[in-house]
Amino acid sequence: MKKVFFAILLLIIIKAGAQPSALVVADSLYTMGNYTGAINAYSSIGNTAAALQIARSYTAIGNFEKAVLQYESIIVREPNLKIAIFELGKLHLKLEAPENAVSLFFDLTLDGPENPEHYFYLGRALQDVGNIMESIGSYKFAVALDSTHLRSLFQLAKHYTIKQERDHALGYIEKGLRFYENDVAMINLKALVLYNDFQ
């Protein structure tokens, strides 16, 4: 009986030791840009972290269909894994499928209402589907959570520049420039607002 126990214990130790070394090899391949090799190495590991790296590897090599399928399979197995939901939403935006991203980012804002990035990307998705007013609300939520959220400040300033609401536009531009005074996009937007106002 003791021999069987020790044999099982030895197998567990060997398997546990093999897992980290396989992960180290896979991570090294991924870091060095050998994404196909990384996919093969991560496939032998079989846990959620490896599955997430497989999705990232598919994204890195440009096989977006497989990346989407990989992210979706992860979310089916672990519906509360926010990083997979977030990355899938960003991938949908990249693939110009914002209608698929809206619900993902909306769910993230409900689950983690303290993250301005979730509101920013929800705003981007809503903007891309043509729901401008709700996107403006999302950008404002992002700025309320983080007054230095430059991308949200820029989107708000751009919106008010287009609407020719000078004071609102300049208010958001100045907030952005206080945080990062050399931001070229904000400087250009400020020049446009002042030019439109004959200043």
N, C-alpha and C. Protein backbone atom coordinates (compact mmCIF):
# COMPACT_ATOMS: atom_id res chain seq x y z
N MET A 1 0.82 -1.19 0.00
CA MET A 1 0.00 0.00 0.00
C MET A 1 0.86 1.25 0.00
N LYS A 2 1.97 1.19 0.79
CA LYS A 2 2.87 2.34 0.85
C LYS A 2 3.51 2.60 -0.50
N LYS A 3 3.83 1.55 -1.24
CA LYS A 3 4.46 1.71 -2.55
C LYS A 3 3.50 2.40 -3.52
N VAL A 4 2.24 2.04 -3.47
CA VAL A 4 1.24 2.67 -4.34
C VAL A 4 1.10 4.15 -3.98
N PHE A 5 1.05 4.42 -2.68
CA PHE A 5 0.94 5.81 -2.22
C PHE A 5 2.13 6.63 -2.70
N PHE A 6 3.35 6.10 -2.55
CA PHE A 6 4.54 6.82 -2.97
C PHE A 6 4.59 6.98 -4.49
N ALA A 7 4.13 5.99 -5.22
CA ALA A 7 4.10 6.09 -6.68
C ALA A 7 3.15 7.20 -7.13
N ILE A 8 1.98 7.26 -6.48
CA ILE A 8 1.01 8.32 -6.81
C ILE A 8 1.58 9.68 -6.44
N LEU A 9 2.20 9.77 -5.27
CA LEU A 9 2.81 11.03 -4.83
C LEU A 9 3.91 11.46 -5.79
N LEU A 10 4.73 10.53 -6.24
CA LEU A 10 5.80 10.83 -7.18
C LEU A 10 5.23 11.34 -8.51
N LEU A 11 4.17 10.71 -8.99
CA LEU A 11 3.53 11.16 -10.23
C LEU A 11 2.97 12.58 -10.09
N ILE A 12 2.37 12.87 -8.94
CA ILE A 12 1.83 14.22 -8.70
C ILE A 12 2.95 15.24 -8.70
N ILE A 13 4.05 14.91 -8.04
CA ILE A 13 5.19 15.83 -7.98
C ILE A 13 5.79 16.05 -9.37
N ILE A 14 5.93 14.99 -10.14
CA ILE A 14 6.48 15.11 -11.50
C ILE A 14 5.56 15.96 -12.36
N LYS A 15 4.26 15.71 -12.27
CA LYS A 15 3.30 16.48 -13.07
C LYS A 15 3.31 17.95 -12.66
N ALA A 16 3.37 18.20 -11.37
CA ALA A 16 3.40 19.59 -10.88
C ALA A 16 4.69 20.27 -11.31
N GLY A 17 5.79 19.56 -11.32
CA GLY A 17 7.06 20.14 -11.76
C GLY A 17 7.08 20.39 -13.26
N ALA A 18 6.42 19.54 -14.02
CA ALA A 18 6.40 19.69 -15.48
C ALA A 18 5.55 20.89 -15.89
N GLN A 19 4.48 21.15 -15.18
CA GLN A 19 3.58 22.25 -15.52
C GLN A 19 4.30 23.59 -15.52
N PRO A 20 4.98 23.98 -14.44
CA PRO A 20 5.66 25.28 -14.46
C PRO A 20 6.73 25.38 -15.54
N SER A 21 7.48 24.30 -15.79
CA SER A 21 8.51 24.39 -16.81
C SER A 21 7.88 24.54 -18.20
N ALA A 22 6.77 23.89 -18.44
CA ALA A 22 6.06 24.05 -19.71
C ALA A 22 5.56 25.47 -19.84
N LEU A 23 5.10 26.05 -18.74
CA LEU A 23 4.62 27.43 -18.75
C LEU A 23 5.77 28.40 -19.01
N VAL A 24 6.92 28.13 -18.43
CA VAL A 24 8.10 28.99 -18.65
C VAL A 24 8.49 28.96 -20.13
N VAL A 25 8.50 27.78 -20.71
CA VAL A 25 8.85 27.64 -22.13
C VAL A 25 7.83 28.38 -23.00
N ALA A 26 6.55 28.18 -22.71
CA ALA A 26 5.50 28.83 -23.49
C ALA A 26 5.57 30.35 -23.35
N ASP A 27 5.76 30.84 -22.12
CA ASP A 27 5.89 32.28 -21.90
C ASP A 27 7.10 32.84 -22.64
N SER A 28 8.18 32.12 -22.64
CA SER A 28 9.39 32.56 -23.34
C SER A 28 9.14 32.65 -24.85
N LEU A 29 8.48 31.66 -25.40
CA LEU A 29 8.16 31.68 -26.84
C LEU A 29 7.27 32.87 -27.17
N TYR A 30 6.28 33.11 -26.32
CA TYR A 30 5.36 34.24 -26.53
C TYR A 30 6.12 35.57 -26.47
N THR A 31 6.96 35.72 -25.46
CA THR A 31 7.71 36.96 -25.27
C THR A 31 8.64 37.22 -26.45
N MET A 32 9.20 36.18 -27.01
CA MET A 32 10.13 36.33 -28.13
C MET A 32 9.42 36.45 -29.48
N GLY A 33 8.09 36.40 -29.47
CA GLY A 33 7.35 36.58 -30.71
C GLY A 33 7.12 35.32 -31.51
N ASN A 34 7.45 34.17 -30.97
CA ASN A 34 7.19 32.90 -31.65
C ASN A 34 5.79 32.44 -31.23
N TYR A 35 4.79 33.09 -31.80
CA TYR A 35 3.41 32.88 -31.35
C TYR A 35 2.86 31.50 -31.69
N THR A 36 3.25 30.97 -32.84
CA THR A 36 2.78 29.62 -33.19
C THR A 36 3.37 28.59 -32.24
N GLY A 37 4.65 28.73 -31.94
CA GLY A 37 5.28 27.85 -30.96
C GLY A 37 4.65 28.01 -29.59
N ALA A 38 4.33 29.25 -29.23
CA ALA A 38 3.70 29.51 -27.94
C ALA A 38 2.32 28.85 -27.87
N ILE A 39 1.56 28.95 -28.95
CA ILE A 39 0.23 28.33 -28.99
C ILE A 39 0.35 26.83 -28.73
N ASN A 40 1.31 26.20 -29.41
CA ASN A 40 1.50 24.76 -29.23
C ASN A 40 1.91 24.43 -27.80
N ALA A 41 2.80 25.26 -27.24
CA ALA A 41 3.26 25.01 -25.87
C ALA A 41 2.13 25.25 -24.86
N TYR A 42 1.38 26.32 -25.03
CA TYR A 42 0.27 26.59 -24.11
C TYR A 42 -0.81 25.52 -24.20
N SER A 43 -1.00 24.96 -25.40
CA SER A 43 -2.03 23.93 -25.57
C SER A 43 -1.79 22.71 -24.70
N SER A 44 -0.52 22.43 -24.42
CA SER A 44 -0.21 21.26 -23.60
C SER A 44 -0.48 21.51 -22.12
N ILE A 45 -0.63 22.79 -21.73
CA ILE A 45 -0.84 23.11 -20.32
C ILE A 45 -2.31 22.96 -19.94
N GLY A 46 -3.19 23.59 -20.73
CA GLY A 46 -4.62 23.35 -20.56
C GLY A 46 -5.32 24.11 -19.46
N ASN A 47 -4.71 25.11 -18.83
CA ASN A 47 -5.46 25.86 -17.82
C ASN A 47 -5.95 27.19 -18.40
N THR A 48 -6.65 27.97 -17.60
CA THR A 48 -7.25 29.21 -18.08
C THR A 48 -6.20 30.23 -18.49
N ALA A 49 -5.13 30.34 -17.71
CA ALA A 49 -4.07 31.29 -18.05
C ALA A 49 -3.45 30.95 -19.40
N ALA A 50 -3.25 29.68 -19.66
CA ALA A 50 -2.70 29.25 -20.94
C ALA A 50 -3.68 29.53 -22.08
N ALA A 51 -4.96 29.29 -21.82
CA ALA A 51 -5.99 29.56 -22.85
C ALA A 51 -6.03 31.04 -23.20
N LEU A 52 -5.86 31.89 -22.20
CA LEU A 52 -5.84 33.33 -22.42
C LEU A 52 -4.62 33.72 -23.27
N GLN A 53 -3.49 33.11 -22.99
CA GLN A 53 -2.29 33.39 -23.78
C GLN A 53 -2.42 32.88 -25.21
N ILE A 54 -3.16 31.80 -25.40
CA ILE A 54 -3.42 31.30 -26.76
C ILE A 54 -4.24 32.33 -27.53
N ALA A 55 -5.27 32.88 -26.89
CA ALA A 55 -6.08 33.91 -27.54
C ALA A 55 -5.22 35.12 -27.89
N ARG A 56 -4.36 35.53 -26.98
CA ARG A 56 -3.47 36.67 -27.24
C ARG A 56 -2.50 36.36 -28.38
N SER A 57 -2.03 35.12 -28.44
CA SER A 57 -1.12 34.72 -29.51
C SER A 57 -1.82 34.76 -30.86
N TYR A 58 -3.04 34.26 -30.91
CA TYR A 58 -3.79 34.33 -32.17
C TYR A 58 -4.00 35.78 -32.59
N THR A 59 -4.27 36.65 -31.63
CA THR A 59 -4.43 38.07 -31.94
C THR A 59 -3.13 38.63 -32.48
N ALA A 60 -2.02 38.27 -31.86
CA ALA A 60 -0.72 38.80 -32.27
C ALA A 60 -0.34 38.39 -33.69
N ILE A 61 -0.71 37.17 -34.09
CA ILE A 61 -0.37 36.75 -35.46
C ILE A 61 -1.42 37.16 -36.48
N GLY A 62 -2.50 37.75 -36.01
CA GLY A 62 -3.52 38.25 -36.93
C GLY A 62 -4.60 37.25 -37.28
N ASN A 63 -4.66 36.13 -36.58
CA ASN A 63 -5.72 35.15 -36.82
C ASN A 63 -6.87 35.49 -35.87
N PHE A 64 -7.60 36.55 -36.25
CA PHE A 64 -8.60 37.11 -35.36
C PHE A 64 -9.81 36.19 -35.15
N GLU A 65 -10.16 35.42 -36.17
CA GLU A 65 -11.29 34.50 -36.00
C GLU A 65 -11.01 33.49 -34.90
N LYS A 66 -9.82 32.90 -34.93
CA LYS A 66 -9.47 31.93 -33.89
C LYS A 66 -9.33 32.61 -32.53
N ALA A 67 -8.84 33.85 -32.53
CA ALA A 67 -8.73 34.58 -31.27
C ALA A 67 -10.11 34.80 -30.66
N VAL A 68 -11.08 35.22 -31.48
CA VAL A 68 -12.44 35.43 -30.98
C VAL A 68 -13.02 34.14 -30.44
N LEU A 69 -12.84 33.05 -31.18
CA LEU A 69 -13.36 31.74 -30.72
C LEU A 69 -12.69 31.33 -29.41
N GLN A 70 -11.40 31.58 -29.29
CA GLN A 70 -10.68 31.22 -28.07
C GLN A 70 -11.19 32.03 -26.89
N TYR A 71 -11.33 33.35 -27.07
CA TYR A 71 -11.86 34.19 -25.99
C TYR A 71 -13.28 33.74 -25.60
N GLU A 72 -14.10 33.46 -26.60
CA GLU A 72 -15.47 33.03 -26.30
C GLU A 72 -15.50 31.73 -25.53
N SER A 73 -14.61 30.79 -25.87
CA SER A 73 -14.60 29.52 -25.13
C SER A 73 -14.13 29.73 -23.70
N ILE A 74 -13.20 30.67 -23.49
CA ILE A 74 -12.75 30.98 -22.13
C ILE A 74 -13.91 31.56 -21.33
N ILE A 75 -14.66 32.48 -21.94
CA ILE A 75 -15.76 33.15 -21.24
C ILE A 75 -16.89 32.17 -20.93
N VAL A 76 -17.10 31.19 -21.80
CA VAL A 76 -18.10 30.16 -21.51
C VAL A 76 -17.69 29.36 -20.27
N ARG A 77 -16.40 29.03 -20.17
CA ARG A 77 -15.90 28.26 -19.03
C ARG A 77 -15.83 29.11 -17.77
N GLU A 78 -15.42 30.38 -17.93
CA GLU A 78 -15.26 31.28 -16.78
C GLU A 78 -15.93 32.61 -17.08
N PRO A 79 -17.26 32.68 -16.90
CA PRO A 79 -18.01 33.88 -17.29
C PRO A 79 -17.65 35.14 -16.50
N ASN A 80 -16.94 35.01 -15.40
CA ASN A 80 -16.57 36.19 -14.60
C ASN A 80 -15.12 36.62 -14.81
N LEU A 81 -14.45 36.06 -15.80
CA LEU A 81 -13.06 36.42 -16.06
C LEU A 81 -13.03 37.73 -16.86
N LYS A 82 -12.91 38.83 -16.11
CA LYS A 82 -13.05 40.16 -16.71
C LYS A 82 -12.00 40.46 -17.77
N ILE A 83 -10.79 39.97 -17.58
CA ILE A 83 -9.73 40.26 -18.54
C ILE A 83 -10.06 39.66 -19.91
N ALA A 84 -10.64 38.49 -19.94
CA ALA A 84 -11.02 37.86 -21.21
C ALA A 84 -12.15 38.65 -21.87
N ILE A 85 -13.11 39.09 -21.08
CA ILE A 85 -14.23 39.89 -21.61
C ILE A 85 -13.70 41.21 -22.16
N PHE A 86 -12.81 41.86 -21.41
CA PHE A 86 -12.24 43.14 -21.81
C PHE A 86 -11.46 43.00 -23.12
N GLU A 87 -10.60 42.00 -23.20
CA GLU A 87 -9.79 41.81 -24.40
C GLU A 87 -10.64 41.42 -25.60
N LEU A 88 -11.68 40.62 -25.38
CA LEU A 88 -12.58 40.27 -26.48
C LEU A 88 -13.31 41.51 -26.98
N GLY A 89 -13.77 42.35 -26.07
CA GLY A 89 -14.44 43.59 -26.47
C GLY A 89 -13.53 44.47 -27.31
N LYS A 90 -12.27 44.63 -26.88
CA LYS A 90 -11.32 45.44 -27.64
C LYS A 90 -11.05 44.82 -29.01
N LEU A 91 -11.01 43.50 -29.07
CA LEU A 91 -10.81 42.82 -30.35
C LEU A 91 -11.99 43.07 -31.28
N HIS A 92 -13.22 43.03 -30.74
CA HIS A 92 -14.39 43.33 -31.57
C HIS A 92 -14.32 44.76 -32.12
N LEU A 93 -13.85 45.71 -31.32
CA LEU A 93 -13.68 47.08 -31.82
C LEU A 93 -12.66 47.12 -32.95
N LYS A 94 -11.57 46.40 -32.76
CA LYS A 94 -10.53 46.35 -33.78
C LYS A 94 -11.06 45.75 -35.08
N LEU A 95 -11.94 44.78 -34.95
CA LEU A 95 -12.52 44.11 -36.12
C LEU A 95 -13.72 44.85 -36.69
N GLU A 96 -13.97 46.04 -36.16
CA GLU A 96 -15.09 46.88 -36.59
C GLU A 96 -16.43 46.15 -36.43
N ALA A 97 -16.58 45.51 -35.28
CA ALA A 97 -17.83 44.85 -34.91
C ALA A 97 -18.27 45.41 -33.56
N PRO A 98 -18.52 46.74 -33.51
CA PRO A 98 -18.82 47.36 -32.21
C PRO A 98 -20.11 46.86 -31.58
N GLU A 99 -21.02 46.38 -32.41
CA GLU A 99 -22.28 45.86 -31.85
C GLU A 99 -22.02 44.66 -30.94
N ASN A 100 -20.96 43.90 -31.23
CA ASN A 100 -20.59 42.78 -30.36
C ASN A 100 -19.88 43.26 -29.10
N ALA A 101 -19.25 44.42 -29.17
CA ALA A 101 -18.48 44.94 -28.04
C ALA A 101 -19.36 45.65 -27.01
N VAL A 102 -20.45 46.25 -27.45
CA VAL A 102 -21.26 47.07 -26.55
C VAL A 102 -21.70 46.29 -25.31
N SER A 103 -22.26 45.11 -25.51
CA SER A 103 -22.78 44.36 -24.36
C SER A 103 -21.64 43.90 -23.44
N LEU A 104 -20.49 43.57 -24.03
CA LEU A 104 -19.35 43.15 -23.20
C LEU A 104 -18.88 44.28 -22.30
N PHE A 105 -18.71 45.47 -22.87
CA PHE A 105 -18.25 46.60 -22.07
C PHE A 105 -19.32 47.07 -21.10
N PHE A 106 -20.58 46.98 -21.51
CA PHE A 106 -21.66 47.36 -20.60
C PHE A 106 -21.65 46.46 -19.37
N ASP A 107 -21.49 45.15 -19.58
CA ASP A 107 -21.41 44.22 -18.46
C ASP A 107 -20.22 44.53 -17.56
N LEU A 108 -19.09 44.90 -18.17
CA LEU A 108 -17.92 45.24 -17.36
C LEU A 108 -18.17 46.47 -16.50
N THR A 109 -18.90 47.45 -17.03
CA THR A 109 -19.18 48.65 -16.22
C THR A 109 -20.10 48.31 -15.05
N LEU A 110 -20.94 47.31 -15.23
CA LEU A 110 -21.82 46.89 -14.13
C LEU A 110 -21.03 46.10 -13.08
N ASP A 111 -20.12 45.25 -13.55
CA ASP A 111 -19.35 44.41 -12.64
C ASP A 111 -18.23 45.17 -11.93
N GLY A 112 -17.64 46.14 -12.62
CA GLY A 112 -16.53 46.89 -12.03
C GLY A 112 -16.69 48.37 -12.30
N PRO A 113 -17.65 49.01 -11.62
CA PRO A 113 -17.97 50.40 -11.97
C PRO A 113 -16.88 51.40 -11.64
N GLU A 114 -15.79 50.96 -11.03
CA GLU A 114 -14.74 51.90 -10.66
C GLU A 114 -13.63 52.01 -11.70
N ASN A 115 -13.74 51.31 -12.82
CA ASN A 115 -12.68 51.30 -13.83
C ASN A 115 -13.01 52.23 -15.00
N PRO A 116 -12.28 53.34 -15.16
CA PRO A 116 -12.58 54.29 -16.24
C PRO A 116 -12.35 53.70 -17.63
N GLU A 117 -11.44 52.74 -17.74
CA GLU A 117 -11.18 52.13 -19.05
C GLU A 117 -12.42 51.43 -19.60
N HIS A 118 -13.17 50.79 -18.72
CA HIS A 118 -14.39 50.12 -19.17
C HIS A 118 -15.37 51.13 -19.74
N TYR A 119 -15.51 52.28 -19.09
CA TYR A 119 -16.41 53.32 -19.59
C TYR A 119 -15.90 53.93 -20.89
N PHE A 120 -14.59 54.10 -20.99
CA PHE A 120 -14.03 54.64 -22.22
C PHE A 120 -14.34 53.72 -23.40
N TYR A 121 -14.08 52.42 -23.23
CA TYR A 121 -14.32 51.50 -24.33
C TYR A 121 -15.81 51.31 -24.60
N LEU A 122 -16.64 51.39 -23.58
CA LEU A 122 -18.08 51.38 -23.82
C LEU A 122 -18.46 52.59 -24.66
N GLY A 123 -17.89 53.75 -24.33
CA GLY A 123 -18.14 54.95 -25.12
C GLY A 123 -17.71 54.78 -26.57
N ARG A 124 -16.53 54.17 -26.77
CA ARG A 124 -16.06 53.93 -28.14
C ARG A 124 -17.02 53.03 -28.90
N ALA A 125 -17.47 51.95 -28.25
CA ALA A 125 -18.38 51.01 -28.92
C ALA A 125 -19.71 51.69 -29.23
N LEU A 126 -20.24 52.43 -28.27
CA LEU A 126 -21.51 53.14 -28.50
C LEU A 126 -21.36 54.17 -29.61
N GLN A 127 -20.26 54.86 -29.64
CA GLN A 127 -20.00 55.84 -30.70
C GLN A 127 -19.96 55.16 -32.06
N ASP A 128 -19.31 54.01 -32.12
CA ASP A 128 -19.17 53.29 -33.39
C ASP A 128 -20.50 52.73 -33.89
N VAL A 129 -21.45 52.48 -33.00
CA VAL A 129 -22.77 52.02 -33.46
C VAL A 129 -23.71 53.19 -33.68
N GLY A 130 -23.22 54.41 -33.48
CA GLY A 130 -24.02 55.60 -33.76
C GLY A 130 -24.82 56.13 -32.60
N ASN A 131 -24.59 55.62 -31.41
CA ASN A 131 -25.32 56.09 -30.23
C ASN A 131 -24.46 57.14 -29.52
N ILE A 132 -24.44 58.34 -30.11
CA ILE A 132 -23.51 59.38 -29.69
C ILE A 132 -23.79 59.87 -28.27
N MET A 133 -25.03 60.13 -27.94
CA MET A 133 -25.31 60.71 -26.63
C MET A 133 -24.95 59.76 -25.49
N GLU A 134 -25.22 58.47 -25.66
CA GLU A 134 -24.82 57.51 -24.63
C GLU A 134 -23.30 57.37 -24.57
N SER A 135 -22.64 57.49 -25.72
CA SER A 135 -21.18 57.42 -25.70
C SER A 135 -20.60 58.61 -24.93
N ILE A 136 -21.19 59.79 -25.11
CA ILE A 136 -20.73 60.97 -24.38
C ILE A 136 -20.91 60.74 -22.87
N GLY A 137 -22.03 60.14 -22.50
CA GLY A 137 -22.25 59.81 -21.09
C GLY A 137 -21.18 58.87 -20.55
N SER A 138 -20.77 57.90 -21.35
CA SER A 138 -19.73 56.96 -20.91
C SER A 138 -18.39 57.66 -20.75
N TYR A 139 -18.07 58.53 -21.70
CA TYR A 139 -16.81 59.29 -21.57
C TYR A 139 -16.84 60.16 -20.32
N LYS A 140 -17.98 60.75 -20.04
CA LYS A 140 -18.09 61.60 -18.84
C LYS A 140 -17.93 60.77 -17.57
N PHE A 141 -18.47 59.54 -17.57
CA PHE A 141 -18.27 58.65 -16.42
C PHE A 141 -16.79 58.34 -16.25
N ALA A 142 -16.09 58.09 -17.36
CA ALA A 142 -14.66 57.79 -17.28
C ALA A 142 -13.90 58.97 -16.66
N VAL A 143 -14.25 60.18 -17.09
CA VAL A 143 -13.58 61.38 -16.56
C VAL A 143 -13.97 61.61 -15.09
N ALA A 144 -15.20 61.27 -14.73
CA ALA A 144 -15.61 61.41 -13.33
C ALA A 144 -14.80 60.46 -12.44
N LEU A 145 -14.48 59.29 -12.96
CA LEU A 145 -13.69 58.33 -12.20
C LEU A 145 -12.20 58.69 -12.19
N ASP A 146 -11.74 59.25 -13.30
CA ASP A 146 -10.33 59.61 -13.43
C ASP A 146 -10.25 60.91 -14.22
N SER A 147 -10.05 62.00 -13.52
CA SER A 147 -10.07 63.33 -14.17
C SER A 147 -8.93 63.51 -15.16
N THR A 148 -7.95 62.59 -15.18
CA THR A 148 -6.83 62.68 -16.11
C THR A 148 -6.95 61.67 -17.25
N HIS A 149 -8.12 61.09 -17.44
CA HIS A 149 -8.29 60.08 -18.49
C HIS A 149 -8.27 60.79 -19.84
N LEU A 150 -7.09 60.87 -20.42
CA LEU A 150 -6.83 61.71 -21.58
C LEU A 150 -7.66 61.34 -22.80
N ARG A 151 -7.81 60.05 -23.06
CA ARG A 151 -8.56 59.64 -24.25
C ARG A 151 -10.04 60.02 -24.14
N SER A 152 -10.60 59.92 -22.94
CA SER A 152 -11.99 60.34 -22.74
C SER A 152 -12.11 61.86 -22.85
N LEU A 153 -11.15 62.57 -22.27
CA LEU A 153 -11.15 64.03 -22.38
C LEU A 153 -11.08 64.46 -23.84
N PHE A 154 -10.26 63.77 -24.61
CA PHE A 154 -10.14 64.11 -26.04
C PHE A 154 -11.45 63.86 -26.77
N GLN A 155 -12.08 62.72 -26.50
CA GLN A 155 -13.35 62.41 -27.18
C GLN A 155 -14.41 63.45 -26.85
N LEU A 156 -14.47 63.86 -25.59
CA LEU A 156 -15.44 64.88 -25.18
C LEU A 156 -15.12 66.21 -25.85
N ALA A 157 -13.85 66.60 -25.84
CA ALA A 157 -13.46 67.86 -26.47
C ALA A 157 -13.76 67.84 -27.97
N LYS A 158 -13.50 66.72 -28.60
CA LYS A 158 -13.77 66.59 -30.04
C LYS A 158 -15.28 66.72 -30.31
N HIS A 159 -16.08 66.06 -29.49
CA HIS A 159 -17.53 66.11 -29.65
C HIS A 159 -18.02 67.56 -29.57
N TYR A 160 -17.56 68.28 -28.55
CA TYR A 160 -18.03 69.65 -28.38
C TYR A 160 -17.43 70.60 -29.42
N THR A 161 -16.27 70.26 -29.96
CA THR A 161 -15.71 71.04 -31.06
C THR A 161 -16.58 70.90 -32.30
N ILE A 162 -16.98 69.68 -32.60
CA ILE A 162 -17.84 69.42 -33.75
C ILE A 162 -19.18 70.14 -33.58
N LYS A 163 -19.70 70.12 -32.36
CA LYS A 163 -20.98 70.79 -32.09
C LYS A 163 -20.82 72.31 -31.97
N GLN A 164 -19.58 72.78 -32.08
CA GLN A 164 -19.24 74.21 -31.99
C GLN A 164 -19.67 74.81 -30.66
N GLU A 165 -19.46 74.03 -29.61
CA GLU A 165 -19.70 74.51 -28.26
C GLU A 165 -18.32 74.79 -27.65
N ARG A 166 -17.83 75.98 -27.96
CA ARG A 166 -16.46 76.40 -27.67
C ARG A 166 -16.09 76.21 -26.20
N ASP A 167 -16.90 76.70 -25.29
CA ASP A 167 -16.54 76.67 -23.87
C ASP A 167 -16.42 75.26 -23.33
N HIS A 168 -17.38 74.40 -23.73
CA HIS A 168 -17.30 73.00 -23.30
C HIS A 168 -16.04 72.35 -23.86
N ALA A 169 -15.80 72.57 -25.15
CA ALA A 169 -14.63 71.97 -25.79
C ALA A 169 -13.35 72.43 -25.10
N LEU A 170 -13.21 73.73 -24.90
CA LEU A 170 -12.00 74.26 -24.28
C LEU A 170 -11.84 73.77 -22.84
N GLY A 171 -12.94 73.59 -22.14
CA GLY A 171 -12.86 73.07 -20.77
C GLY A 171 -12.22 71.70 -20.72
N TYR A 172 -12.65 70.80 -21.61
CA TYR A 172 -12.06 69.46 -21.64
C TYR A 172 -10.63 69.49 -22.17
N ILE A 173 -10.37 70.35 -23.15
CA ILE A 173 -9.01 70.47 -23.68
C ILE A 173 -8.05 70.94 -22.59
N GLU A 174 -8.45 71.95 -21.85
CA GLU A 174 -7.59 72.49 -20.79
C GLU A 174 -7.33 71.45 -19.70
N LYS A 175 -8.35 70.64 -19.37
CA LYS A 175 -8.13 69.57 -18.39
C LYS A 175 -7.08 68.60 -18.89
N GLY A 176 -7.18 68.25 -20.16
CA GLY A 176 -6.20 67.33 -20.75
C GLY A 176 -4.81 67.92 -20.80
N LEU A 177 -4.72 69.21 -21.17
CA LEU A 177 -3.41 69.84 -21.26
C LEU A 177 -2.78 70.09 -19.89
N ARG A 178 -3.60 70.23 -18.86
CA ARG A 178 -3.04 70.34 -17.50
C ARG A 178 -2.35 69.04 -17.11
N PHE A 179 -2.93 67.93 -17.56
CA PHE A 179 -2.34 66.63 -17.25
C PHE A 179 -1.12 66.35 -18.12
N TYR A 180 -1.25 66.64 -19.43
CA TYR A 180 -0.16 66.37 -20.37
C TYR A 180 -0.08 67.52 -21.35
N GLU A 181 0.76 68.48 -21.03
CA GLU A 181 0.79 69.75 -21.76
C GLU A 181 1.30 69.63 -23.19
N ASN A 182 1.97 68.54 -23.54
CA ASN A 182 2.52 68.39 -24.89
C ASN A 182 1.71 67.42 -25.76
N ASP A 183 0.50 67.11 -25.35
CA ASP A 183 -0.32 66.19 -26.14
C ASP A 183 -0.69 66.85 -27.47
N VAL A 184 -0.16 66.29 -28.55
CA VAL A 184 -0.33 66.89 -29.87
C VAL A 184 -1.79 66.94 -30.29
N ALA A 185 -2.55 65.88 -30.01
CA ALA A 185 -3.96 65.85 -30.40
C ALA A 185 -4.74 66.95 -29.70
N MET A 186 -4.49 67.13 -28.42
CA MET A 186 -5.19 68.19 -27.67
C MET A 186 -4.77 69.58 -28.16
N ILE A 187 -3.50 69.76 -28.43
CA ILE A 187 -3.02 71.06 -28.93
C ILE A 187 -3.66 71.38 -30.28
N ASN A 188 -3.71 70.37 -31.16
CA ASN A 188 -4.34 70.58 -32.47
C ASN A 188 -5.83 70.90 -32.32
N LEU A 189 -6.48 70.22 -31.41
CA LEU A 189 -7.90 70.46 -31.19
C LEU A 189 -8.13 71.88 -30.63
N LYS A 190 -7.26 72.29 -29.73
CA LYS A 190 -7.37 73.65 -29.18
C LYS A 190 -7.17 74.69 -30.28
N ALA A 191 -6.19 74.46 -31.15
CA ALA A 191 -5.96 75.37 -32.27
C ALA A 191 -7.18 75.44 -33.17
N LEU A 192 -7.80 74.30 -33.41
CA LEU A 192 -9.00 74.27 -34.25
C LEU A 192 -10.15 75.05 -33.62
N VAL A 193 -10.36 74.86 -32.31
CA VAL A 193 -11.42 75.57 -31.61
C VAL A 193 -11.17 77.08 -31.68
N LEU A 194 -9.95 77.50 -31.41
CA LEU A 194 -9.63 78.92 -31.44
C LEU A 194 -9.70 79.48 -32.87
N TYR A 195 -9.30 78.68 -33.84
CA TYR A 195 -9.39 79.12 -35.24
C TYR A 195 -10.86 79.31 -35.64
N ASN A 196 -11.69 78.35 -35.25
CA ASN A 196 -13.12 78.46 -35.56
C ASN A 196 -13.75 79.66 -34.89
N ASP A 197 -13.15 80.10 -33.79
CA ASP A 197 -13.67 81.24 -33.02
C ASP A 197 -12.94 82.53 -33.40
N PHE A 198 -12.17 82.48 -34.50
CA PHE A 198 -11.43 83.63 -35.02
C PHE A 198 -10.42 84.18 -34.01
N GLN A 199 -9.83 83.27 -33.20
CA GLN A 199 -8.80 83.71 -32.24
C GLN A 199 -7.45 83.13 -32.63
